[in-house]
Amino acid sequence: MSAGRLVVCPTPIGNLDDVTPRVLAALRDADVVACEDTRRTRVLLDRHGVRARALVSYHEHNERARVPELMERMLAGDMVALVSDAGMPVLSDPGWVLVRACADAGVRVEVLPGPSAVDVALVASALPADRWAFVGFLPRRARELEDVWKAGMTVVAFESPRRLAGSLASLARFDASRSVAVCRELTKVHEEVVRGTAAELAPRYAASAPRGEIVLVVAPAPPGAGDEDRAAAALEALVAAGARARPAAAVVAELTGVAANRLYRRVSASSGPPGRSGE
């Protein structure tokens, strides 16, 4: 290993007093601080009276170009501190390219513990935390989004305020009774955690889009939720062969355990308003 090293430093997700003494010491001792936005990092440093030796920008648009320079410094013995605007670098933030390069080159990587919106939201949601998954930002495609809703464990995701209502509406169509928590502006002055079902919260945020940073926490899918697509496909095949939708839905429900009304709604939605022969 080289004498230099990379220190990954999580920074506060809102309240600047949440930074740890170890992170401040690393920022003070580093030969260079690589930060997503030098202006935001300077606010944190000024708040705690830390005078960094050097600040350089390291963000999603320049990280691949910046890595060789930082690697050269660490291989020469320098200590580089890596920070993002908020929370733990690499988790839906820049940093993975540099950490991977250090691992490949045998440069020591030290990761300091600290604040993260992911675990704060998970605990605040009051949803099961024994098994959970962080999926980053929610996917945009409907089919990929439905795959998230099928997860048999609690899901934590980042979401933009303008897309929150649409994501909740997607979940409500998939499972209206699913428990969710919308965690907004965590650790900040206007922190808010709103808990309810998808059916309750989807219209709330459709009527009034929220502001600020959003973390969405979704309860696990009920057992057998992954079988619904297969059951719906079976019902569609029966209807296409001439079966009446409602009686066929009852038969498929009996065989699969998926609610008949749920299957009927899915088939009706995919084929448009049912005619007399489809009812």
C-alpha atoms as a PDB file:
ATOM      1  CA  MET A   1       0.000   0.000   0.000  1.00  0.00           C
ATOM      2  CA  SER A   2       1.090   3.601  -0.600  1.00  0.00           C
ATOM      3  CA  ALA A   3       1.722   5.979   2.267  1.00  0.00           C
ATOM      4  CA  GLY A   4      -1.157   8.190   1.138  1.00  0.00           C
ATOM      5  CA  ARG A   5      -4.796   7.468   1.783  1.00  0.00           C
ATOM      6  CA  LEU A   6      -8.377   8.426   1.012  1.00  0.00           C
ATOM      7  CA  VAL A   7     -10.669   9.362   3.887  1.00  0.00           C
ATOM      8  CA  VAL A   8     -14.387   9.278   3.037  1.00  0.00           C
ATOM      9  CA  CYS A   9     -16.134  11.881   5.184  1.00  0.00           C
ATOM     10  CA  PRO A  10     -19.931  11.993   5.605  1.00  0.00           C
ATOM     11  CA  THR A  11     -21.250  15.502   6.145  1.00  0.00           C
ATOM     12  CA  PRO A  12     -24.489  16.728   7.777  1.00  0.00           C
ATOM     13  CA  ILE A  13     -27.705  16.191   5.824  1.00  0.00           C
ATOM     14  CA  GLY A  14     -29.103  19.445   7.171  1.00  0.00           C
ATOM     15  CA  ASN A  15     -28.053  20.509  10.643  1.00  0.00           C
ATOM     16  CA  LEU A  16     -24.394  21.569  10.484  1.00  0.00           C
ATOM     17  CA  ASP A  17     -23.861  20.540  14.110  1.00  0.00           C
ATOM     18  CA  ASP A  18     -24.299  16.866  13.172  1.00  0.00           C
ATOM     19  CA  VAL A  19     -20.743  16.595  11.830  1.00  0.00           C
ATOM     20  CA  THR A  20     -18.475  14.337  13.905  1.00  0.00           C
ATOM     21  CA  PRO A  21     -15.170  15.390  15.506  1.00  0.00           C
ATOM     22  CA  ARG A  22     -13.360  12.741  13.442  1.00  0.00           C
ATOM     23  CA  VAL A  23     -14.662  14.225  10.201  1.00  0.00           C
ATOM     24  CA  LEU A  24     -13.587  17.722  11.248  1.00  0.00           C
ATOM     25  CA  ALA A  25     -10.136  16.399  12.162  1.00  0.00           C
ATOM     26  CA  ALA A  26      -9.831  14.691   8.769  1.00  0.00           C
ATOM     27  CA  LEU A  27     -10.857  17.861   6.924  1.00  0.00           C
ATOM     28  CA  ARG A  28      -8.333  19.824   8.956  1.00  0.00           C
ATOM     29  CA  ASP A  29      -5.480  17.374   8.374  1.00  0.00           C
ATOM     30  CA  ALA A  30      -6.095  16.545   4.714  1.00  0.00           C
ATOM     31  CA  ASP A  31      -3.651  17.759   2.088  1.00  0.00           C
ATOM     32  CA  VAL A  32      -6.621  18.250  -0.210  1.00  0.00           C
ATOM     33  CA  VAL A  33     -10.396  18.106   0.280  1.00  0.00           C
ATOM     34  CA  ALA A  34     -12.313  16.851  -2.759  1.00  0.00           C
ATOM     35  CA  CYS A  35     -15.859  18.180  -2.498  1.00  0.00           C
ATOM     36  CA  GLU A  36     -18.986  18.099  -4.617  1.00  0.00           C
ATOM     37  CA  ASP A  37     -19.506  21.845  -4.238  1.00  0.00           C
ATOM     38  CA  THR A  38     -16.651  23.879  -2.780  1.00  0.00           C
ATOM     39  CA  ARG A  39     -19.020  26.656  -1.736  1.00  0.00           C
ATOM     40  CA  ARG A  40     -21.208  24.362   0.365  1.00  0.00           C
ATOM     41  CA  THR A  41     -18.216  22.639   1.931  1.00  0.00           C
ATOM     42  CA  ARG A  42     -16.698  26.015   2.808  1.00  0.00           C
ATOM     43  CA  VAL A  43     -19.882  26.902   4.731  1.00  0.00           C
ATOM     44  CA  LEU A  44     -19.415  23.769   6.852  1.00  0.00           C
ATOM     45  CA  LEU A  45     -15.726  24.491   7.400  1.00  0.00           C
ATOM     46  CA  ASP A  46     -16.362  28.109   8.376  1.00  0.00           C
ATOM     47  CA  ARG A  47     -19.129  27.040  10.777  1.00  0.00           C
ATOM     48  CA  HIS A  48     -16.613  24.909  12.715  1.00  0.00           C
ATOM     49  CA  GLY A  49     -13.529  27.053  12.296  1.00  0.00           C
ATOM     50  CA  VAL A  50     -11.694  24.576  10.074  1.00  0.00           C
ATOM     51  CA  ARG A  51      -9.108  25.898   7.624  1.00  0.00           C
ATOM     52  CA  ALA A  52      -8.582  23.326   4.908  1.00  0.00           C
ATOM     53  CA  ARG A  53      -5.237  23.340   3.122  1.00  0.00           C
ATOM     54  CA  ALA A  54      -6.820  23.003  -0.322  1.00  0.00           C
ATOM     55  CA  LEU A  55     -10.297  22.497  -1.800  1.00  0.00           C
ATOM     56  CA  VAL A  56     -10.949  20.999  -5.230  1.00  0.00           C
ATOM     57  CA  SER A  57     -14.247  20.244  -6.916  1.00  0.00           C
ATOM     58  CA  TYR A  58     -15.185  16.599  -7.400  1.00  0.00           C
ATOM     59  CA  HIS A  59     -18.668  16.043  -8.818  1.00  0.00           C
ATOM     60  CA  GLU A  60     -20.541  13.812 -11.258  1.00  0.00           C
ATOM     61  CA  HIS A  61     -19.459  15.853 -14.273  1.00  0.00           C
ATOM     62  CA  ASN A  62     -15.707  15.891 -13.607  1.00  0.00           C
ATOM     63  CA  GLU A  63     -14.967  12.897 -11.364  1.00  0.00           C
ATOM     64  CA  ARG A  64     -13.415  10.691 -14.053  1.00  0.00           C
ATOM     65  CA  ALA A  65     -11.159  13.546 -15.134  1.00  0.00           C
ATOM     66  CA  ARG A  66     -10.283  14.409 -11.526  1.00  0.00           C
ATOM     67  CA  VAL A  67      -9.416  10.872 -10.359  1.00  0.00           C
ATOM     68  CA  PRO A  68      -5.936  10.650 -11.988  1.00  0.00           C
ATOM     69  CA  GLU A  69      -4.854  13.880 -10.287  1.00  0.00           C
ATOM     70  CA  LEU A  70      -6.081  12.743  -6.870  1.00  0.00           C
ATOM     71  CA  MET A  71      -4.586   9.285  -7.312  1.00  0.00           C
ATOM     72  CA  GLU A  72      -1.221  10.810  -8.169  1.00  0.00           C
ATOM     73  CA  ARG A  73      -1.291  12.826  -4.959  1.00  0.00           C
ATOM     74  CA  MET A  74      -2.194   9.834  -2.792  1.00  0.00           C
ATOM     75  CA  LEU A  75       0.427   7.628  -4.423  1.00  0.00           C
ATOM     76  CA  ALA A  76       2.914  10.369  -3.568  1.00  0.00           C
ATOM     77  CA  GLY A  77       1.864  10.181   0.092  1.00  0.00           C
ATOM     78  CA  ASP A  78      -0.894  12.794   0.399  1.00  0.00           C
ATOM     79  CA  MET A  79      -4.114  12.388   2.347  1.00  0.00           C
ATOM     80  CA  VAL A  80      -7.293  13.186   0.407  1.00  0.00           C
ATOM     81  CA  ALA A  81     -10.595  13.789   2.201  1.00  0.00           C
ATOM     82  CA  LEU A  82     -13.699  13.119   0.094  1.00  0.00           C
ATOM     83  CA  VAL A  83     -17.022  14.808   0.898  1.00  0.00           C
ATOM     84  CA  SER A  84     -20.324  15.318  -0.897  1.00  0.00           C
ATOM     85  CA  ASP A  85     -22.838  18.088  -0.307  1.00  0.00           C
ATOM     86  CA  ALA A  86     -24.695  16.046   2.320  1.00  0.00           C
ATOM     87  CA  GLY A  87     -24.519  12.579   3.798  1.00  0.00           C
ATOM     88  CA  MET A  88     -22.197   9.738   2.819  1.00  0.00           C
ATOM     89  CA  PRO A  89     -20.292  10.065  -0.467  1.00  0.00           C
ATOM     90  CA  VAL A  90     -20.897   7.283  -3.022  1.00  0.00           C
ATOM     91  CA  LEU A  91     -24.503   6.664  -1.837  1.00  0.00           C
ATOM     92  CA  SER A  92     -26.341   8.297  -4.761  1.00  0.00           C
ATOM     93  CA  ASP A  93     -23.497  10.848  -4.747  1.00  0.00           C
ATOM     94  CA  PRO A  94     -20.122  11.038  -6.510  1.00  0.00           C
ATOM     95  CA  GLY A  95     -17.207   9.053  -5.111  1.00  0.00           C
ATOM     96  CA  TRP A  96     -17.437   5.466  -6.331  1.00  0.00           C
ATOM     97  CA  VAL A  97     -14.964   6.017  -9.178  1.00  0.00           C
ATOM     98  CA  LEU A  98     -12.316   7.320  -6.768  1.00  0.00           C
ATOM     99  CA  VAL A  99     -12.915   4.611  -4.153  1.00  0.00           C
ATOM    100  CA  ARG A 100     -12.690   1.927  -6.866  1.00  0.00           C
ATOM    101  CA  ALA A 101      -9.450   3.427  -8.213  1.00  0.00           C
ATOM    102  CA  CYS A 102      -7.934   3.416  -4.710  1.00  0.00           C
ATOM    103  CA  ALA A 103      -8.919  -0.214  -4.178  1.00  0.00           C
ATOM    104  CA  ASP A 104      -7.370  -1.212  -7.510  1.00  0.00           C
ATOM    105  CA  ALA A 105      -4.146   0.686  -6.791  1.00  0.00           C
ATOM    106  CA  GLY A 106      -3.748  -0.536  -3.222  1.00  0.00           C
ATOM    107  CA  VAL A 107      -4.325   2.892  -1.704  1.00  0.00           C
ATOM    108  CA  ARG A 108      -5.819   2.762   1.783  1.00  0.00           C
ATOM    109  CA  VAL A 109      -9.461   3.833   2.023  1.00  0.00           C
ATOM    110  CA  GLU A 110     -10.771   4.911   5.437  1.00  0.00           C
ATOM    111  CA  VAL A 111     -14.527   5.440   5.740  1.00  0.00           C
ATOM    112  CA  LEU A 112     -15.700   7.511   8.692  1.00  0.00           C
ATOM    113  CA  PRO A 113     -19.182   6.946  10.170  1.00  0.00           C
ATOM    114  CA  GLY A 114     -21.633   9.795  10.173  1.00  0.00           C
ATOM    115  CA  PRO A 115     -25.050  11.108   9.172  1.00  0.00           C
ATOM    116  CA  SER A 116     -27.069   9.568   6.348  1.00  0.00           C
ATOM    117  CA  ALA A 117     -30.615  10.384   5.269  1.00  0.00           C
ATOM    118  CA  VAL A 118     -31.157   6.688   4.538  1.00  0.00           C
ATOM    119  CA  ASP A 119     -31.033   5.330   8.081  1.00  0.00           C
ATOM    120  CA  VAL A 120     -32.580   8.471   9.595  1.00  0.00           C
ATOM    121  CA  ALA A 121     -35.632   8.086   7.348  1.00  0.00           C
ATOM    122  CA  LEU A 122     -35.847   4.334   7.938  1.00  0.00           C
ATOM    123  CA  VAL A 123     -36.040   4.758  11.703  1.00  0.00           C
ATOM    124  CA  ALA A 124     -38.392   7.761  11.492  1.00  0.00           C
ATOM    125  CA  SER A 125     -40.775   5.879   9.191  1.00  0.00           C
ATOM    126  CA  ALA A 126     -41.793   3.446  11.972  1.00  0.00           C
ATOM    127  CA  LEU A 127     -41.796   0.690   9.317  1.00  0.00           C
ATOM    128  CA  PRO A 128     -40.036  -2.687   9.750  1.00  0.00           C
ATOM    129  CA  ALA A 129     -36.252  -2.299   9.790  1.00  0.00           C
ATOM    130  CA  ASP A 130     -35.146  -5.915  10.212  1.00  0.00           C
ATOM    131  CA  ARG A 131     -34.817  -6.373   6.435  1.00  0.00           C
ATOM    132  CA  TRP A 132     -34.605  -3.387   4.128  1.00  0.00           C
ATOM    133  CA  ALA A 133     -33.064  -2.194   0.887  1.00  0.00           C
ATOM    134  CA  PHE A 134     -31.855   1.197  -0.316  1.00  0.00           C
ATOM    135  CA  VAL A 135     -32.542   1.631  -4.038  1.00  0.00           C
ATOM    136  CA  GLY A 136     -31.169   5.132  -4.594  1.00  0.00           C
ATOM    137  CA  PHE A 137     -33.447   7.310  -6.714  1.00  0.00           C
ATOM    138  CA  LEU A 138     -36.637   5.578  -7.823  1.00  0.00           C
ATOM    139  CA  PRO A 139     -36.641   4.416 -11.466  1.00  0.00           C
ATOM    140  CA  ARG A 140     -38.663   6.358 -14.007  1.00  0.00           C
ATOM    141  CA  ARG A 141     -40.009   3.456 -16.074  1.00  0.00           C
ATOM    142  CA  ALA A 142     -43.353   2.066 -14.898  1.00  0.00           C
ATOM    143  CA  ARG A 143     -42.314  -1.589 -15.082  1.00  0.00           C
ATOM    144  CA  GLU A 144     -39.093  -0.972 -13.127  1.00  0.00           C
ATOM    145  CA  LEU A 145     -41.071   1.007 -10.563  1.00  0.00           C
ATOM    146  CA  GLU A 146     -43.494  -1.884 -10.110  1.00  0.00           C
ATOM    147  CA  ASP A 147     -40.537  -4.188  -9.495  1.00  0.00           C
ATOM    148  CA  VAL A 148     -39.589  -1.968  -6.556  1.00  0.00           C
ATOM    149  CA  TRP A 149     -43.121  -2.204  -5.146  1.00  0.00           C
ATOM    150  CA  LYS A 150     -42.877  -6.026  -5.231  1.00  0.00           C
ATOM    151  CA  ALA A 151     -39.941  -6.117  -2.801  1.00  0.00           C
ATOM    152  CA  GLY A 152     -40.585  -8.339   0.207  1.00  0.00           C
ATOM    153  CA  MET A 153     -38.676  -5.961   2.484  1.00  0.00           C
ATOM    154  CA  THR A 154     -38.890  -2.303   3.456  1.00  0.00           C
ATOM    155  CA  VAL A 155     -37.605  -0.048   0.669  1.00  0.00           C
ATOM    156  CA  VAL A 156     -35.850   3.297   1.194  1.00  0.00           C
ATOM    157  CA  ALA A 157     -35.514   5.580  -1.820  1.00  0.00           C
ATOM    158  CA  PHE A 158     -34.684   9.145  -2.738  1.00  0.00           C
ATOM    159  CA  GLU A 159     -37.314  11.000  -4.766  1.00  0.00           C
ATOM    160  CA  SER A 160     -37.621  14.462  -6.246  1.00  0.00           C
ATOM    161  CA  PRO A 161     -40.515  16.661  -5.051  1.00  0.00           C
ATOM    162  CA  ARG A 162     -41.951  16.966  -8.563  1.00  0.00           C
ATOM    163  CA  ARG A 163     -42.048  13.188  -9.077  1.00  0.00           C
ATOM    164  CA  LEU A 164     -43.271  12.175  -5.622  1.00  0.00           C
ATOM    165  CA  ALA A 165     -46.993  12.324  -6.444  1.00  0.00           C
ATOM    166  CA  GLY A 166     -46.538  10.164  -9.548  1.00  0.00           C
ATOM    167  CA  SER A 167     -44.545   7.547  -7.658  1.00  0.00           C
ATOM    168  CA  LEU A 168     -47.137   7.388  -4.900  1.00  0.00           C
ATOM    169  CA  ALA A 169     -49.910   7.092  -7.506  1.00  0.00           C
ATOM    170  CA  SER A 170     -48.020   4.162  -9.062  1.00  0.00           C
ATOM    171  CA  LEU A 171     -47.800   2.478  -5.675  1.00  0.00           C
ATOM    172  CA  ALA A 172     -51.494   3.153  -4.995  1.00  0.00           C
ATOM    173  CA  ARG A 173     -52.444   1.438  -8.258  1.00  0.00           C
ATOM    174  CA  PHE A 174     -50.275  -1.521  -7.316  1.00  0.00           C
ATOM    175  CA  ASP A 175     -51.294  -1.722  -3.645  1.00  0.00           C
ATOM    176  CA  ALA A 176     -53.496   1.068  -2.283  1.00  0.00           C
ATOM    177  CA  SER A 177     -53.210  -0.127   1.308  1.00  0.00           C
ATOM    178  CA  ARG A 178     -49.386  -0.231   1.403  1.00  0.00           C
ATOM    179  CA  SER A 179     -47.933   1.791   4.285  1.00  0.00           C
ATOM    180  CA  VAL A 180     -45.467   4.513   3.351  1.00  0.00           C
ATOM    181  CA  ALA A 181     -43.634   7.407   4.989  1.00  0.00           C
ATOM    182  CA  VAL A 182     -42.647  10.607   3.226  1.00  0.00           C
ATOM    183  CA  CYS A 183     -39.645  12.079   5.048  1.00  0.00           C
ATOM    184  CA  ARG A 184     -38.888  15.663   4.082  1.00  0.00           C
ATOM    185  CA  GLU A 185     -36.033  18.014   4.994  1.00  0.00           C
ATOM    186  CA  LEU A 186     -34.600  15.641   7.607  1.00  0.00           C
ATOM    187  CA  THR A 187     -32.678  17.344  10.458  1.00  0.00           C
ATOM    188  CA  LYS A 188     -33.561  20.771   9.054  1.00  0.00           C
ATOM    189  CA  VAL A 189     -35.840  23.470  10.447  1.00  0.00           C
ATOM    190  CA  HIS A 190     -38.837  22.299   8.418  1.00  0.00           C
ATOM    191  CA  GLU A 191     -38.370  18.568   8.991  1.00  0.00           C
ATOM    192  CA  GLU A 192     -41.560  16.602   8.374  1.00  0.00           C
ATOM    193  CA  VAL A 193     -42.454  12.902   8.419  1.00  0.00           C
ATOM    194  CA  VAL A 194     -45.874  12.040   6.988  1.00  0.00           C
ATOM    195  CA  ARG A 195     -47.074   8.448   7.417  1.00  0.00           C
ATOM    196  CA  GLY A 196     -50.080   6.777   5.803  1.00  0.00           C
ATOM    197  CA  THR A 197     -51.172   4.456   3.039  1.00  0.00           C
ATOM    198  CA  ALA A 198     -50.383   4.969  -0.626  1.00  0.00           C
ATOM    199  CA  ALA A 199     -54.061   5.708  -1.268  1.00  0.00           C
ATOM    200  CA  GLU A 200     -54.062   8.418   1.408  1.00  0.00           C
ATOM    201  CA  LEU A 201     -50.818  10.144   0.474  1.00  0.00           C
ATOM    202  CA  ALA A 202     -50.964  10.031  -3.345  1.00  0.00           C
ATOM    203  CA  PRO A 203     -53.794  12.612  -3.635  1.00  0.00           C
ATOM    204  CA  ARG A 204     -52.285  14.744  -0.868  1.00  0.00           C
ATOM    205  CA  TYR A 205     -49.057  15.307  -2.786  1.00  0.00           C
ATOM    206  CA  ALA A 206     -50.837  15.502  -6.145  1.00  0.00           C
ATOM    207  CA  ALA A 207     -52.781  18.483  -4.792  1.00  0.00           C
ATOM    208  CA  SER A 208     -49.715  20.173  -3.313  1.00  0.00           C
ATOM    209  CA  ALA A 209     -46.176  19.267  -4.322  1.00  0.00           C
ATOM    210  CA  PRO A 210     -43.697  19.306  -1.416  1.00  0.00           C
ATOM    211  CA  ARG A 211     -40.471  21.264  -1.269  1.00  0.00           C
ATOM    212  CA  GLY A 212     -37.000  20.194  -0.257  1.00  0.00           C
ATOM    213  CA  GLU A 213     -35.179  16.887   0.020  1.00  0.00           C
ATOM    214  CA  ILE A 214     -37.445  13.811   0.024  1.00  0.00           C
ATOM    215  CA  VAL A 215     -36.791  10.273   1.265  1.00  0.00           C
ATOM    216  CA  LEU A 216     -39.596   7.780   0.651  1.00  0.00           C
ATOM    217  CA  VAL A 217     -39.898   4.661   2.810  1.00  0.00           C
ATOM    218  CA  VAL A 218     -42.242   1.879   1.648  1.00  0.00           C
ATOM    219  CA  ALA A 219     -43.407  -1.095   3.704  1.00  0.00           C
ATOM    220  CA  PRO A 220     -42.685  -4.643   2.451  1.00  0.00           C
ATOM    221  CA  ALA A 221     -44.988  -6.159  -0.135  1.00  0.00           C
ATOM    222  CA  PRO A 222     -47.352  -8.784   1.299  1.00  0.00           C
ATOM    223  CA  PRO A 223     -46.513 -12.458   0.679  1.00  0.00           C
ATOM    224  CA  GLY A 224     -47.390 -13.543  -2.838  1.00  0.00           C
ATOM    225  CA  ALA A 225     -47.252 -10.036  -4.316  1.00  0.00           C
ATOM    226  CA  GLY A 226     -44.739 -11.250  -6.880  1.00  0.00           C
ATOM    227  CA  ASP A 227     -47.286 -13.770  -8.168  1.00  0.00           C
ATOM    228  CA  GLU A 228     -49.746 -11.110  -9.242  1.00  0.00           C
ATOM    229  CA  ASP A 229     -48.220 -10.550 -12.686  1.00  0.00           C
ATOM    230  CA  ARG A 230     -48.449 -14.244 -13.495  1.00  0.00           C
ATOM    231  CA  ALA A 231     -52.028 -14.400 -12.232  1.00  0.00           C
ATOM    232  CA  ALA A 232     -53.000 -11.342 -14.290  1.00  0.00           C
ATOM    233  CA  ALA A 233     -51.364 -12.846 -17.376  1.00  0.00           C
ATOM    234  CA  ALA A 234     -53.355 -16.042 -16.861  1.00  0.00           C
ATOM    235  CA  LEU A 235     -56.589 -14.076 -16.563  1.00  0.00           C
ATOM    236  CA  GLU A 236     -55.796 -12.072 -19.706  1.00  0.00           C
ATOM    237  CA  ALA A 237     -55.216 -15.306 -21.610  1.00  0.00           C
ATOM    238  CA  LEU A 238     -58.566 -16.689 -20.446  1.00  0.00           C
ATOM    239  CA  VAL A 239     -60.392 -13.501 -21.428  1.00  0.00           C
ATOM    240  CA  ALA A 240     -58.650 -13.476 -24.815  1.00  0.00           C
ATOM    241  CA  ALA A 241     -59.883 -17.050 -25.307  1.00  0.00           C
ATOM    242  CA  GLY A 242     -63.451 -15.915 -24.722  1.00  0.00           C
ATOM    243  CA  ALA A 243     -63.979 -16.302 -20.965  1.00  0.00           C
ATOM    244  CA  ARG A 244     -66.011 -13.702 -19.095  1.00  0.00           C
ATOM    245  CA  ALA A 245     -63.653 -11.574 -17.005  1.00  0.00           C
ATOM    246  CA  ARG A 246     -65.375 -11.663 -13.608  1.00  0.00           C
ATOM    247  CA  PRO A 247     -65.960 -15.431 -13.374  1.00  0.00           C
ATOM    248  CA  ALA A 248     -62.476 -16.093 -14.749  1.00  0.00           C
ATOM    249  CA  ALA A 249     -60.965 -13.716 -12.193  1.00  0.00           C
ATOM    250  CA  ALA A 250     -62.677 -15.675  -9.421  1.00  0.00           C
ATOM    251  CA  VAL A 251     -61.217 -18.947 -10.707  1.00  0.00           C
ATOM    252  CA  VAL A 252     -57.672 -17.530 -11.035  1.00  0.00           C
ATOM    253  CA  ALA A 253     -57.946 -15.975  -7.576  1.00  0.00           C
ATOM    254  CA  GLU A 254     -58.919 -19.314  -6.085  1.00  0.00           C
ATOM    255  CA  LEU A 255     -55.872 -20.969  -7.672  1.00  0.00           C
ATOM    256  CA  THR A 256     -53.286 -18.244  -6.939  1.00  0.00           C
ATOM    257  CA  GLY A 257     -54.468 -16.469  -3.790  1.00  0.00           C
ATOM    258  CA  VAL A 258     -54.422 -13.063  -5.540  1.00  0.00           C
ATOM    259  CA  ALA A 259     -57.605 -11.079  -4.887  1.00  0.00           C
ATOM    260  CA  ALA A 260     -60.190 -11.456  -7.661  1.00  0.00           C
ATOM    261  CA  ASN A 261     -61.156  -7.779  -7.629  1.00  0.00           C
ATOM    262  CA  ARG A 262     -57.498  -6.791  -7.942  1.00  0.00           C
ATOM    263  CA  LEU A 263     -57.018  -9.059 -10.955  1.00  0.00           C
ATOM    264  CA  TYR A 264     -60.213  -7.837 -12.572  1.00  0.00           C
ATOM    265  CA  ARG A 265     -59.157  -4.197 -12.175  1.00  0.00           C
ATOM    266  CA  ARG A 266     -55.758  -4.900 -13.728  1.00  0.00           C
ATOM    267  CA  VAL A 267     -57.206  -6.666 -16.735  1.00  0.00           C
ATOM    268  CA  SER A 268     -59.872  -3.985 -17.162  1.00  0.00           C
ATOM    269  CA  ALA A 269     -57.245  -1.227 -16.996  1.00  0.00           C
ATOM    270  CA  SER A 270     -55.046  -2.913 -19.605  1.00  0.00           C
ATOM    271  CA  SER A 271     -57.918  -3.531 -22.053  1.00  0.00           C
ATOM    272  CA  GLY A 272     -59.928  -0.355 -21.482  1.00  0.00           C
ATOM    273  CA  PRO A 273     -63.524  -0.147 -20.235  1.00  0.00           C
ATOM    274  CA  PRO A 274     -65.012  -3.660 -20.392  1.00  0.00           C
ATOM    275  CA  GLY A 275     -67.849  -4.241 -22.784  1.00  0.00           C
ATOM    276  CA  ARG A 276     -70.854  -6.351 -21.989  1.00  0.00           C
ATOM    277  CA  SER A 277     -69.090  -9.534 -23.149  1.00  0.00           C
ATOM    278  CA  GLY A 278     -66.130  -8.798 -20.841  1.00  0.00           C
ATOM    279  CA  GLU A 279     -68.218  -8.341 -17.740  1.00  0.00           C
END
